[in-house]
Amino acid sequence: MDSQQKHRFSLCMLQYFGPDGRAAIRAVKAMSMTQKRDLFHLASTAADCSSRQAVDYFHNTWSRQFFQSPEPFRNEVRELWQAFSADPEQRYGEVYEIMQERHGGIFHRQALRQLVLREYGRPPKFTQTDLDALCCLLAIDRDPTDCI
């Protein structure tokens, strides 16, 4: 979709649902298949694109603007992966659910899924605070009173 088509699609969604984008996403989730088909036909007509393009744009691009990116939480995802010892498929669901619950559903579902899958098996990176705490624990190159 070009920028004009995207703009017309957004205007159509705004007219149909109002200004609350998250409410629009929840409403689409609750719709029957027939209602969704009608909605995306209407949006595709307004945007002058195919219904498939309208559906893809809605799910992969337009809806993401109403959520926070999970990328800054990459290390937390890695730590959760390491905290569980069950099989990866079970852990994937647990890591995903914990991240959504901890952060109050601020992430786009698909963006979080992609991050969780991408981070599988990668060790967490230590922050400077983590390294300082480890050095204090081991008393390496530090006066023990610095750690108190």
C-alpha atoms as a PDB file:
ATOM      1  CA  MET A   1       0.000   0.000   0.000  1.00  0.00           C
ATOM      2  CA  ASP A   2       1.246   3.476  -0.771  1.00  0.00           C
ATOM      3  CA  SER A   3       0.994   6.372   1.676  1.00  0.00           C
ATOM      4  CA  GLN A   4      -2.316   7.643   0.245  1.00  0.00           C
ATOM      5  CA  GLN A   5      -3.898   4.209   0.543  1.00  0.00           C
ATOM      6  CA  LYS A   6      -2.667   3.916   4.118  1.00  0.00           C
ATOM      7  CA  HIS A   7      -4.101   7.326   4.947  1.00  0.00           C
ATOM      8  CA  ARG A   8      -7.482   6.452   3.413  1.00  0.00           C
ATOM      9  CA  PHE A   9      -7.480   3.135   5.294  1.00  0.00           C
ATOM     10  CA  SER A  10      -6.811   4.971   8.577  1.00  0.00           C
ATOM     11  CA  LEU A  11      -9.607   7.447   7.871  1.00  0.00           C
ATOM     12  CA  CYS A  12     -11.987   4.574   7.187  1.00  0.00           C
ATOM     13  CA  MET A  13     -11.062   2.926  10.505  1.00  0.00           C
ATOM     14  CA  LEU A  14     -11.461   6.262  12.300  1.00  0.00           C
ATOM     15  CA  GLN A  15     -14.933   6.789  10.816  1.00  0.00           C
ATOM     16  CA  TYR A  16     -16.003   3.227  11.534  1.00  0.00           C
ATOM     17  CA  PHE A  17     -14.653   2.872  15.098  1.00  0.00           C
ATOM     18  CA  GLY A  18     -13.831   6.338  16.390  1.00  0.00           C
ATOM     19  CA  PRO A  19     -10.497   7.564  17.740  1.00  0.00           C
ATOM     20  CA  ASP A  20      -9.715   4.702  20.159  1.00  0.00           C
ATOM     21  CA  GLY A  21      -7.485   2.336  18.175  1.00  0.00           C
ATOM     22  CA  ARG A  22      -7.302  -0.337  20.859  1.00  0.00           C
ATOM     23  CA  ALA A  23     -11.096  -0.392  21.078  1.00  0.00           C
ATOM     24  CA  ALA A  24     -11.174  -0.874  17.299  1.00  0.00           C
ATOM     25  CA  ILE A  25      -8.811  -3.837  17.570  1.00  0.00           C
ATOM     26  CA  ARG A  26     -10.913  -5.403  20.333  1.00  0.00           C
ATOM     27  CA  ALA A  27     -14.057  -4.835  18.255  1.00  0.00           C
ATOM     28  CA  VAL A  28     -12.540  -6.548  15.212  1.00  0.00           C
ATOM     29  CA  LYS A  29     -11.484  -9.488  17.389  1.00  0.00           C
ATOM     30  CA  ALA A  30     -15.068  -9.857  18.593  1.00  0.00           C
ATOM     31  CA  MET A  31     -16.601  -9.709  15.097  1.00  0.00           C
ATOM     32  CA  SER A  32     -17.889 -12.709  13.222  1.00  0.00           C
ATOM     33  CA  MET A  33     -16.107 -13.728  10.021  1.00  0.00           C
ATOM     34  CA  THR A  34     -18.905 -12.185   7.958  1.00  0.00           C
ATOM     35  CA  GLN A  35     -18.618  -8.878   9.795  1.00  0.00           C
ATOM     36  CA  LYS A  36     -14.846  -8.878   9.358  1.00  0.00           C
ATOM     37  CA  ARG A  37     -15.181  -9.622   5.667  1.00  0.00           C
ATOM     38  CA  ASP A  38     -17.625  -6.724   5.289  1.00  0.00           C
ATOM     39  CA  LEU A  39     -15.380  -4.371   7.271  1.00  0.00           C
ATOM     40  CA  PHE A  40     -12.277  -5.171   5.255  1.00  0.00           C
ATOM     41  CA  HIS A  41     -14.218  -4.954   1.997  1.00  0.00           C
ATOM     42  CA  LEU A  42     -15.339  -1.462   3.035  1.00  0.00           C
ATOM     43  CA  ALA A  43     -11.783  -0.506   4.041  1.00  0.00           C
ATOM     44  CA  SER A  44     -10.302  -1.914   0.834  1.00  0.00           C
ATOM     45  CA  THR A  45     -12.806   0.044  -1.241  1.00  0.00           C
ATOM     46  CA  ALA A  46     -11.961   3.257   0.640  1.00  0.00           C
ATOM     47  CA  ALA A  47      -8.209   2.634   0.323  1.00  0.00           C
ATOM     48  CA  ASP A  48      -8.425   1.382  -3.275  1.00  0.00           C
ATOM     49  CA  CYS A  49      -6.636  -1.891  -2.544  1.00  0.00           C
ATOM     50  CA  SER A  50      -7.511  -5.569  -2.294  1.00  0.00           C
ATOM     51  CA  SER A  51      -9.282  -6.973   0.755  1.00  0.00           C
ATOM     52  CA  ARG A  52      -6.215  -9.130   1.446  1.00  0.00           C
ATOM     53  CA  GLN A  53      -4.004  -6.026   1.498  1.00  0.00           C
ATOM     54  CA  ALA A  54      -6.439  -4.316   3.883  1.00  0.00           C
ATOM     55  CA  VAL A  55      -6.442  -7.306   6.249  1.00  0.00           C
ATOM     56  CA  ASP A  56      -2.642  -7.595   6.168  1.00  0.00           C
ATOM     57  CA  TYR A  57      -2.170  -3.863   6.709  1.00  0.00           C
ATOM     58  CA  PHE A  58      -4.609  -3.890   9.636  1.00  0.00           C
ATOM     59  CA  HIS A  59      -2.929  -6.792  11.430  1.00  0.00           C
ATOM     60  CA  ASN A  60       0.726  -6.186  10.559  1.00  0.00           C
ATOM     61  CA  THR A  61       1.036  -2.395  10.517  1.00  0.00           C
ATOM     62  CA  TRP A  62      -1.958  -0.246  11.436  1.00  0.00           C
ATOM     63  CA  SER A  63      -2.764  -1.998  14.718  1.00  0.00           C
ATOM     64  CA  ARG A  64       0.853  -1.871  15.960  1.00  0.00           C
ATOM     65  CA  GLN A  65       0.790   1.906  16.342  1.00  0.00           C
ATOM     66  CA  PHE A  66      -1.425   1.594  19.421  1.00  0.00           C
ATOM     67  CA  PHE A  67       1.018  -0.575  21.354  1.00  0.00           C
ATOM     68  CA  GLN A  68       4.480  -0.242  22.831  1.00  0.00           C
ATOM     69  CA  SER A  69       7.337  -2.073  21.157  1.00  0.00           C
ATOM     70  CA  PRO A  70       8.546  -5.092  23.151  1.00  0.00           C
ATOM     71  CA  GLU A  71      12.150  -4.608  21.930  1.00  0.00           C
ATOM     72  CA  PRO A  72      13.344  -2.756  25.072  1.00  0.00           C
ATOM     73  CA  PHE A  73      12.250  -5.815  27.076  1.00  0.00           C
ATOM     74  CA  ARG A  74      14.431  -8.244  25.113  1.00  0.00           C
ATOM     75  CA  ASN A  75      16.641  -9.092  28.099  1.00  0.00           C
ATOM     76  CA  GLU A  76      13.613  -9.817  30.279  1.00  0.00           C
ATOM     77  CA  VAL A  77      12.383 -12.283  27.647  1.00  0.00           C
ATOM     78  CA  ARG A  78      15.801 -13.966  27.595  1.00  0.00           C
ATOM     79  CA  GLU A  79      15.773 -14.263  31.393  1.00  0.00           C
ATOM     80  CA  LEU A  80      12.311 -15.838  31.311  1.00  0.00           C
ATOM     81  CA  TRP A  81      13.459 -18.349  28.677  1.00  0.00           C
ATOM     82  CA  GLN A  82      16.261 -19.411  31.006  1.00  0.00           C
ATOM     83  CA  ALA A  83      14.000 -19.591  34.065  1.00  0.00           C
ATOM     84  CA  PHE A  84      11.917 -22.432  32.637  1.00  0.00           C
ATOM     85  CA  SER A  85      13.209 -25.941  32.089  1.00  0.00           C
ATOM     86  CA  ALA A  86      10.254 -27.479  30.229  1.00  0.00           C
ATOM     87  CA  ASP A  87      10.161 -28.091  26.493  1.00  0.00           C
ATOM     88  CA  PRO A  88      10.419 -25.000  24.234  1.00  0.00           C
ATOM     89  CA  GLU A  89       6.814 -25.114  23.012  1.00  0.00           C
ATOM     90  CA  GLN A  90       5.481 -25.018  26.555  1.00  0.00           C
ATOM     91  CA  ARG A  91       7.972 -22.329  27.572  1.00  0.00           C
ATOM     92  CA  TYR A  92       7.064 -20.179  24.581  1.00  0.00           C
ATOM     93  CA  GLY A  93       3.472 -19.891  25.790  1.00  0.00           C
ATOM     94  CA  GLU A  94       4.559 -19.287  29.377  1.00  0.00           C
ATOM     95  CA  VAL A  95       7.061 -16.583  28.433  1.00  0.00           C
ATOM     96  CA  TYR A  96       4.483 -14.886  26.202  1.00  0.00           C
ATOM     97  CA  GLU A  97       1.757 -14.960  28.881  1.00  0.00           C
ATOM     98  CA  ILE A  98       4.078 -13.737  31.645  1.00  0.00           C
ATOM     99  CA  MET A  99       5.248 -10.811  29.526  1.00  0.00           C
ATOM    100  CA  GLN A 100       1.670  -9.807  28.696  1.00  0.00           C
ATOM    101  CA  GLU A 101       0.589 -10.095  32.348  1.00  0.00           C
ATOM    102  CA  ARG A 102       3.620  -8.295  33.797  1.00  0.00           C
ATOM    103  CA  HIS A 103       3.230  -5.352  31.491  1.00  0.00           C
ATOM    104  CA  GLY A 104      -0.547  -5.089  31.331  1.00  0.00           C
ATOM    105  CA  GLY A 105      -1.015  -6.001  27.675  1.00  0.00           C
ATOM    106  CA  ILE A 106       0.945  -3.016  26.347  1.00  0.00           C
ATOM    107  CA  PHE A 107       2.487  -5.075  23.537  1.00  0.00           C
ATOM    108  CA  HIS A 108       1.041  -5.929  20.152  1.00  0.00           C
ATOM    109  CA  ARG A 109       0.428  -9.680  20.236  1.00  0.00           C
ATOM    110  CA  GLN A 110       2.301 -10.489  17.053  1.00  0.00           C
ATOM    111  CA  ALA A 111       5.253  -8.217  17.876  1.00  0.00           C
ATOM    112  CA  LEU A 112       5.658  -9.917  21.256  1.00  0.00           C
ATOM    113  CA  ARG A 113       5.339 -13.390  19.713  1.00  0.00           C
ATOM    114  CA  GLN A 114       8.064 -12.571  17.212  1.00  0.00           C
ATOM    115  CA  LEU A 115      10.377 -11.268  19.928  1.00  0.00           C
ATOM    116  CA  VAL A 116       9.796 -14.291  22.175  1.00  0.00           C
ATOM    117  CA  LEU A 117      10.561 -16.713  19.329  1.00  0.00           C
ATOM    118  CA  ARG A 118      13.586 -14.719  18.161  1.00  0.00           C
ATOM    119  CA  GLU A 119      15.116 -14.669  21.650  1.00  0.00           C
ATOM    120  CA  TYR A 120      14.767 -18.419  22.278  1.00  0.00           C
ATOM    121  CA  GLY A 121      18.063 -19.887  23.461  1.00  0.00           C
ATOM    122  CA  ARG A 122      19.914 -16.585  23.685  1.00  0.00           C
ATOM    123  CA  PRO A 123      21.492 -15.865  27.056  1.00  0.00           C
ATOM    124  CA  PRO A 124      20.551 -12.637  28.820  1.00  0.00           C
ATOM    125  CA  LYS A 125      23.038  -9.797  28.622  1.00  0.00           C
ATOM    126  CA  PHE A 126      24.327  -8.498  31.891  1.00  0.00           C
ATOM    127  CA  THR A 127      23.841  -4.844  32.726  1.00  0.00           C
ATOM    128  CA  GLN A 128      26.508  -2.794  34.475  1.00  0.00           C
ATOM    129  CA  THR A 129      24.440  -3.012  37.678  1.00  0.00           C
ATOM    130  CA  ASP A 130      24.440  -6.813  37.403  1.00  0.00           C
ATOM    131  CA  LEU A 131      28.197  -6.859  36.868  1.00  0.00           C
ATOM    132  CA  ASP A 132      28.817  -4.488  39.790  1.00  0.00           C
ATOM    133  CA  ALA A 133      26.727  -6.705  42.069  1.00  0.00           C
ATOM    134  CA  LEU A 134      28.652  -9.785  40.922  1.00  0.00           C
ATOM    135  CA  CYS A 135      31.980  -8.061  41.542  1.00  0.00           C
ATOM    136  CA  CYS A 136      30.823  -7.096  45.028  1.00  0.00           C
ATOM    137  CA  LEU A 137      29.740 -10.635  45.686  1.00  0.00           C
ATOM    138  CA  LEU A 138      33.096 -11.974  44.582  1.00  0.00           C
ATOM    139  CA  ALA A 139      35.005  -8.972  46.022  1.00  0.00           C
ATOM    140  CA  ILE A 140      36.995  -8.600  42.821  1.00  0.00           C
ATOM    141  CA  ASP A 141      38.999  -5.373  42.496  1.00  0.00           C
ATOM    142  CA  ARG A 142      36.794  -3.744  45.053  1.00  0.00           C
ATOM    143  CA  ASP A 143      36.953  -2.722  48.626  1.00  0.00           C
ATOM    144  CA  PRO A 144      34.192  -4.766  50.337  1.00  0.00           C
ATOM    145  CA  THR A 145      32.890  -1.577  51.977  1.00  0.00           C
ATOM    146  CA  ASP A 146      31.982  -0.216  48.504  1.00  0.00           C
ATOM    147  CA  CYS A 147      29.264  -2.843  48.257  1.00  0.00           C
ATOM    148  CA  ILE A 148      27.485  -1.889  51.454  1.00  0.00           C
END
